[in-house]
Protein backbone atom coordinates (compact mmCIF):
# COMPACT_ATOMS: atom_id res chain seq x y z
CA UNK A 1 14.46 -4.07 22.13
CA UNK A 2 17.06 -5.32 19.70
CA UNK A 3 16.60 -4.45 16.02
CA UNK A 4 18.59 -5.50 13.01
CA UNK A 5 18.50 -4.35 9.43
CA UNK A 6 19.24 -7.05 6.89
CA UNK A 7 19.54 -6.37 3.30
CA UNK A 8 17.74 -8.13 0.47
CA UNK A 9 19.22 -7.69 -3.07
CA UNK A 10 16.25 -7.05 -5.39
CA UNK A 11 16.96 -9.84 -7.93
CA UNK A 12 16.36 -8.56 -11.51
CA UNK A 13 15.76 -4.90 -10.68
CA UNK A 14 16.98 -2.63 -13.43
CA UNK A 15 19.32 -1.03 -10.94
CA UNK A 16 20.84 -3.25 -8.26
CA UNK A 17 19.95 -1.81 -4.89
CA UNK A 18 19.86 -3.44 -1.51
CA UNK A 19 16.33 -3.68 -0.26
CA UNK A 20 15.64 -3.55 3.40
CA UNK A 21 12.40 -4.73 4.94
CA UNK A 22 12.13 -2.80 8.19
CA UNK A 23 10.38 -4.62 11.04
CA UNK A 24 11.22 -5.87 14.41
CA UNK A 25 13.72 -8.68 14.75
CA UNK A 26 12.82 -9.50 18.33
CA UNK A 27 10.35 -12.14 16.99
CA UNK A 28 12.37 -14.98 15.50
CA UNK A 29 9.33 -16.19 13.62
CA UNK A 30 9.23 -12.95 11.53
CA UNK A 31 12.54 -12.33 9.80
CA UNK A 32 13.01 -8.78 8.56
CA UNK A 33 14.99 -9.67 5.47
CA UNK A 34 17.32 -12.27 3.91
CA UNK A 35 20.73 -11.45 2.44
CA UNK A 36 20.29 -12.76 -1.12
CA UNK A 37 23.25 -12.21 -3.42
CA UNK A 38 22.72 -12.16 -7.18
CA UNK A 39 23.36 -14.48 -8.92
CA UNK A 40 24.23 -17.36 -6.52
CA UNK A 41 22.69 -19.01 -3.45
CA UNK A 42 21.56 -16.88 -0.56
CA UNK A 43 24.09 -16.47 2.25
CA UNK A 44 21.58 -16.77 5.03
CA UNK A 45 17.98 -18.19 4.67
CA UNK A 46 16.00 -18.79 1.70
CA UNK A 47 13.37 -16.76 -0.25
CA UNK A 48 10.61 -18.92 1.53
CA UNK A 49 11.95 -17.52 4.88
CA UNK A 50 9.88 -14.31 4.23
CA UNK A 51 6.77 -16.11 3.21
CA UNK A 52 3.99 -16.64 5.71
CA UNK A 53 2.75 -19.92 7.03
CA UNK A 54 -0.39 -21.56 5.66
CA UNK A 55 -3.72 -19.77 6.86
CA UNK A 56 -2.05 -16.38 6.70
CA UNK A 57 -2.30 -13.81 3.99
CA UNK A 58 -0.06 -10.88 3.23
CA UNK A 59 -1.80 -7.36 2.68
CA UNK A 60 0.25 -4.32 1.41
CA UNK A 61 -0.02 -0.86 0.34
CA UNK A 62 2.37 0.94 -2.04
CA UNK A 63 2.30 4.50 -3.50
CA UNK A 64 4.12 3.74 -6.73
CA UNK A 65 4.60 7.64 -7.52
CA UNK A 66 3.11 8.99 -10.69
CA UNK A 67 2.85 5.93 -12.82
CA UNK A 68 1.84 7.59 -16.06
CA UNK A 69 1.09 5.94 -19.37
CA UNK A 70 2.48 7.28 -22.76
CA UNK A 71 -0.57 9.28 -23.59
CA UNK A 72 -0.78 13.05 -22.72
CA UNK A 73 -4.25 13.68 -21.25
CA UNK A 74 -3.60 16.98 -19.79
CA UNK A 75 -1.89 18.80 -22.60
CA UNK A 76 0.91 19.69 -20.31
CA UNK A 77 3.39 16.72 -20.46
CA UNK A 78 6.87 18.40 -20.88
CA UNK A 79 9.84 17.54 -18.72
CA UNK A 80 9.08 19.09 -15.33
CA UNK A 81 5.29 19.13 -15.89
CA UNK A 82 3.07 17.06 -13.40
CA UNK A 83 2.10 14.67 -16.14
CA UNK A 84 5.56 14.14 -17.40
CA UNK A 85 5.11 11.82 -20.31
CA UNK A 86 7.38 8.77 -20.39
CA UNK A 87 8.68 7.29 -23.50
CA UNK A 88 7.58 3.69 -24.43
CA UNK A 89 11.06 2.40 -23.05
CA UNK A 90 10.73 4.42 -19.84
CA UNK A 91 7.18 3.15 -19.23
CA UNK A 92 8.21 -0.42 -19.67
CA UNK A 93 11.22 0.18 -17.31
CA UNK A 94 8.83 1.71 -14.77
CA UNK A 95 6.37 -1.22 -15.06
CA UNK A 96 9.21 -3.70 -14.72
CA UNK A 97 10.66 -1.97 -11.59
CA UNK A 98 7.33 -1.72 -9.87
CA UNK A 99 6.26 -5.38 -10.64
CA UNK A 100 9.63 -6.64 -9.32
CA UNK A 101 9.21 -4.59 -6.18
CA UNK A 102 5.68 -6.05 -5.77
CA UNK A 103 6.92 -9.49 -6.35
CA UNK A 104 9.52 -9.12 -3.73
CA UNK A 105 6.80 -8.18 -1.25
CA UNK A 106 4.74 -11.10 -2.41
CA UNK A 107 1.26 -9.86 -1.29
CA UNK A 108 -1.98 -11.61 -1.53
CA UNK A 109 -3.73 -8.21 -1.58
CA UNK A 110 -2.18 -4.89 -2.32
CA UNK A 111 -3.52 -1.30 -2.61
CA UNK A 112 -1.68 0.80 -5.03
CA UNK A 113 -1.74 4.53 -5.21
CA UNK A 114 -0.80 7.04 -8.12
CA UNK A 115 -1.76 4.63 -11.06
CA UNK A 116 -2.97 6.89 -13.86
CA UNK A 117 -5.03 4.56 -16.16
CA UNK A 118 -6.09 1.00 -16.78
CA UNK A 119 -3.30 0.94 -19.42
CA UNK A 120 -0.89 1.11 -16.61
CA UNK A 121 -2.68 -1.46 -14.37
CA UNK A 122 -3.03 -3.98 -17.27
CA UNK A 123 0.73 -3.60 -18.13
CA UNK A 124 1.63 -4.08 -14.46
CA UNK A 125 -0.61 -7.08 -14.01
CA UNK A 126 0.87 -8.64 -17.27
CA UNK A 127 4.40 -8.02 -16.10
CA UNK A 128 3.50 -9.54 -12.58
CA UNK A 129 2.21 -12.71 -14.47
CA UNK A 130 5.40 -12.96 -16.40
CA UNK A 131 7.21 -13.15 -12.98
CA UNK A 132 4.89 -15.93 -11.84
CA UNK A 133 2.71 -13.59 -9.67
CA UNK A 134 -0.84 -13.89 -10.84
CA UNK A 135 -3.48 -11.43 -9.66
CA UNK A 136 -6.93 -12.44 -10.91
CA UNK A 137 -8.52 -9.37 -9.22
CA UNK A 138 -7.20 -6.12 -10.60
CA UNK A 139 -9.33 -3.03 -10.32
CA UNK A 140 -8.64 0.69 -10.86
CA UNK A 141 -10.63 3.29 -8.94
CA UNK A 142 -10.60 5.79 -11.84
CA UNK A 143 -12.00 9.26 -11.03
CA UNK A 144 -12.03 10.19 -14.71
CA UNK A 145 -9.90 13.40 -14.52
CA UNK A 146 -7.17 14.08 -17.10
CA UNK A 147 -3.81 13.00 -15.67
CA UNK A 148 -5.38 11.57 -12.49
CA UNK A 149 -3.34 9.31 -10.31
CA UNK A 150 -5.72 6.68 -8.88
CA UNK A 151 -5.98 3.93 -6.37
CA UNK A 152 -6.08 0.39 -7.45
CA UNK A 153 -6.29 -3.00 -5.79
CA UNK A 154 -4.75 -6.33 -6.91
CA UNK A 155 -5.63 -9.62 -5.13
CA UNK A 156 -5.22 -13.24 -5.46
CA UNK A 157 -8.62 -13.97 -3.89
CA UNK A 158 -12.00 -14.71 -5.53
CA UNK A 159 -13.93 -11.53 -6.31
CA UNK A 160 -17.42 -11.13 -4.83
CA UNK A 161 -18.14 -7.40 -5.05
CA UNK A 162 -16.55 -4.00 -5.94
CA UNK A 163 -17.83 -0.74 -4.42
CA UNK A 164 -16.81 2.88 -4.87
CA UNK A 165 -17.35 5.60 -2.36
CA UNK A 166 -16.00 8.95 -3.95
CA UNK A 167 -19.37 10.14 -5.19
CA UNK A 168 -20.72 9.96 -1.61
CA UNK A 169 -20.69 13.43 0.18
CA UNK A 170 -18.77 13.51 3.53
CA UNK A 171 -19.24 16.18 6.18
CA UNK A 172 -16.63 18.92 6.14
CA UNK A 173 -15.47 20.57 9.27
CA UNK A 174 -17.13 24.00 9.51
CA UNK A 175 -20.16 22.89 7.71
CA UNK A 176 -21.14 21.69 4.26
CA UNK A 177 -19.82 18.66 2.61
CA UNK A 178 -16.83 17.49 0.52
CA UNK A 179 -15.75 14.32 -1.26
CA UNK A 180 -12.57 11.99 -1.16
CA UNK A 181 -9.77 13.42 -3.11
CA UNK A 182 -9.37 10.03 -4.84
CA UNK A 183 -11.52 7.05 -4.84
CA UNK A 184 -12.02 5.16 -1.64
CA UNK A 185 -12.03 1.78 -3.44
CA UNK A 186 -13.63 -1.24 -1.74
CA UNK A 187 -13.07 -4.83 -2.98
CA UNK A 188 -14.76 -7.70 -1.28
CA UNK A 189 -13.38 -11.18 -1.97
CA UNK A 190 -13.05 -14.80 -0.68
CA UNK A 191 -9.87 -16.48 0.44
CA UNK A 192 -11.16 -20.06 0.83
CA UNK A 193 -14.03 -19.82 3.36
CA UNK A 194 -12.86 -16.36 4.78
CA UNK A 195 -14.34 -13.14 3.50
CA UNK A 196 -11.78 -10.32 3.02
CA UNK A 197 -12.75 -6.61 2.52
CA UNK A 198 -10.06 -4.39 1.30
CA UNK A 199 -10.39 -0.52 1.14
CA UNK A 200 -7.70 1.32 -0.74
CA UNK A 201 -7.24 5.05 -0.06
CA UNK A 202 -5.05 7.98 -0.99
CA UNK A 203 -5.97 11.02 1.11
CA UNK A 204 -5.34 14.75 0.26
CA UNK A 205 -1.48 15.40 -0.23
CA UNK A 206 0.50 17.60 2.03
CA UNK A 207 1.57 19.51 -1.19
CA UNK A 208 -0.69 22.53 -1.39
CA UNK A 209 -2.13 21.20 1.91
CA UNK A 210 -5.79 21.13 2.86
CA UNK A 211 -5.61 19.52 6.44
CA UNK A 212 -9.33 20.11 6.96
CA UNK A 213 -10.07 18.11 3.74
CA UNK A 214 -7.77 15.23 4.80
CA UNK A 215 -9.49 15.21 8.31
CA UNK A 216 -12.92 14.98 6.43
CA UNK A 217 -11.54 12.02 4.41
CA UNK A 218 -10.37 10.29 7.57
CA UNK A 219 -13.79 10.75 9.31
CA UNK A 220 -15.69 9.58 6.22
CA UNK A 221 -13.40 6.54 5.74
CA UNK A 222 -13.76 5.79 9.55
CA UNK A 223 -17.52 5.70 9.07
CA UNK A 224 -17.50 3.58 5.96
CA UNK A 225 -14.81 1.12 6.93
CA UNK A 226 -16.04 0.89 10.53
CA UNK A 227 -19.59 0.09 9.30
CA UNK A 228 -18.21 -2.72 7.12
CA UNK A 229 -16.26 -4.21 10.04
CA UNK A 230 -19.22 -4.06 12.26
CA UNK A 231 -21.60 -5.46 9.68
CA UNK A 232 -19.26 -8.35 8.84
CA UNK A 233 -17.79 -9.46 12.09
CA UNK A 234 -16.41 -12.76 10.72
CA UNK A 235 -14.70 -11.08 7.66
CA UNK A 236 -11.11 -9.59 7.68
CA UNK A 237 -11.86 -5.87 6.95
CA UNK A 238 -8.80 -3.81 6.19
CA UNK A 239 -7.94 -0.29 5.10
CA UNK A 240 -4.52 0.50 3.39
CA UNK A 241 -2.94 3.27 1.54
CA UNK A 242 -1.17 6.55 1.36
CA UNK A 243 -3.19 8.58 3.98
CA UNK A 244 -0.62 11.57 3.98
CA UNK A 245 -0.53 11.95 7.62
CA UNK A 246 1.28 10.61 10.70
CA UNK A 247 0.60 8.69 13.94
CA UNK A 248 -1.03 11.14 16.42
CA UNK A 249 -2.26 13.62 13.78
CA UNK A 250 -5.87 14.58 13.75
CA UNK A 251 -6.75 12.46 10.63
CA UNK A 252 -5.19 9.26 12.06
CA UNK A 253 -6.68 10.05 15.46
CA UNK A 254 -10.01 10.30 13.78
CA UNK A 255 -9.60 7.05 11.93
CA UNK A 256 -8.81 5.19 15.20
CA UNK A 257 -11.57 7.13 16.97
CA UNK A 258 -13.45 5.01 19.46
CA UNK A 259 -11.23 2.02 18.62
CA UNK A 260 -13.34 0.67 15.87
CA UNK A 261 -10.23 0.64 13.50
CA UNK A 262 -6.65 -0.39 14.67
CA UNK A 263 -3.40 0.65 13.07
CA UNK A 264 -1.31 -2.46 12.89
CA UNK A 265 2.19 -0.91 13.00
CA UNK A 266 1.86 -0.02 16.64
CA UNK A 267 3.95 -2.92 17.81
CA UNK A 268 7.11 -2.14 15.89
CA UNK A 269 9.45 0.81 16.68
CA UNK A 270 8.35 4.19 15.16
CA UNK A 271 11.52 4.52 13.03
CA UNK A 272 10.69 1.20 11.30
CA UNK A 273 7.33 2.62 10.34
CA UNK A 274 8.65 5.56 8.39
CA UNK A 275 7.60 5.48 4.61
CA UNK A 276 8.54 9.00 3.31
CA UNK A 277 11.20 11.54 3.73
CA UNK A 278 9.44 14.91 3.92
CA UNK A 279 11.14 18.36 4.73
CA UNK A 280 14.18 16.50 6.09
CA UNK A 281 12.42 14.09 8.26
CA UNK A 282 11.38 10.49 7.87
CA UNK A 283 7.66 10.11 8.58
CA UNK A 284 5.06 7.34 8.54
CA UNK A 285 2.22 8.29 6.12
CA UNK A 286 1.45 4.85 4.53
CA UNK A 287 -0.72 2.73 6.77
CA UNK A 288 -2.68 -0.45 7.13
CA UNK A 289 -5.68 -0.56 9.59
CA UNK A 290 -8.01 -3.49 10.66
CA UNK A 291 -11.38 -3.59 12.13
CA UNK A 292 -11.39 -3.87 15.90
CA UNK A 293 -13.55 -7.12 15.83
CA UNK A 294 -10.78 -8.76 13.67
CA UNK A 295 -7.63 -7.21 15.32
CA UNK A 296 -6.51 -10.60 16.72
CA UNK A 297 -5.92 -11.86 13.20
CA UNK A 298 -2.93 -9.56 12.73
CA UNK A 299 0.23 -11.49 13.14
CA UNK A 300 2.17 -9.58 15.77
CA UNK A 301 5.34 -7.87 14.57
CA UNK A 302 4.73 -8.55 10.95
CA UNK A 303 4.23 -5.02 9.81
CA UNK A 304 7.02 -4.30 7.42
CA UNK A 305 8.21 -1.11 5.50
CA UNK A 306 10.19 -2.12 2.37
CA UNK A 307 12.97 0.17 1.48
CA UNK A 308 15.85 0.23 -1.27
CA UNK A 309 18.23 1.64 1.22
CA UNK A 310 18.21 1.20 5.09
CA UNK A 311 19.11 4.85 5.49
CA UNK A 312 16.41 6.23 3.29
CA UNK A 313 12.75 5.83 2.39
CA UNK A 314 11.62 4.82 -1.05
CA UNK A 315 11.19 1.56 -2.92
CA UNK A 316 10.97 0.15 -6.44
CA UNK A 317 11.45 3.57 -7.99
CA UNK A 318 9.02 5.35 -5.73
CA UNK A 319 9.82 7.92 -3.00
CA UNK A 320 7.52 6.02 -0.83
CA UNK A 321 8.34 2.81 1.00
CA UNK A 322 5.83 0.02 0.62
CA UNK A 323 4.27 -1.44 3.69
CA UNK A 324 2.85 -4.90 4.34
CA UNK A 325 1.37 -6.95 7.32
CA UNK A 326 0.30 -10.54 7.63
CA UNK A 327 -3.20 -11.72 8.86
CA UNK A 328 -4.68 -15.09 9.74
CA UNK A 329 -7.64 -16.21 7.86
CA UNK A 330 -8.20 -19.43 9.77
């Protein structure tokens, strides 16, 4: 299977870096990138080459990496601390870089991970609007802990309902119960006549690892998202986020379970799915799933991992690549 990596220059990014959209080039209907010099006309293709046809929406997930505001909530905000307090200038630069990265993806719905507060989310939404990217739905799944990095969902749809699931106990392996590490955020919306349900997730990190907790989160999410997909067979039901585990791992196997949820990246090469460099290896831990009943709505080969550099993971100031996929709503 022939693959190619084409570079996109991220126009207006604070640091000029070639941005690679890693997908499969064997499908000529889905370009993996466009070489766009700055300033001047593109060498090949146009910005519209990477947009989807009418009747298709783009869904994305992006761990923006410790997007903190300028207020110290934990009392430990020195350089090197987890809540490393940015200056006003640094915060604005972070916001600008994240917004331009999202604008390059051009999603209709995106799950964001590691957003600290509504201050951050509001600043990001305002910056996106200044770039001509309006997101009328913008909700943060705030868990209320000092210095928490939370899940958010942005969408261009029409909001119908928001649900949260972190307060719900989920079974733990070995007995007892636990809860999701961060909010499992559910946003229901309409795109025209089509109902879309987006779940944003961020499972337990591999740092200070608790694999049993992550497995419990996967099983809990499988039950919740699978039920929504079963209850709403005509809706587009999706789960996206940083799930902190790789294809074939117990958590991802649990999510796919009896086939009620389908991971959409399976039709592109594994190396093109990688989203993080961990202990010297490129691994895929950021994922998008769709309900089995709606799986045919996935546009084949549209899964894409956005990177600043073809040889490394990371995008828009984060150590994670962003991921996206296209889905039919007709």
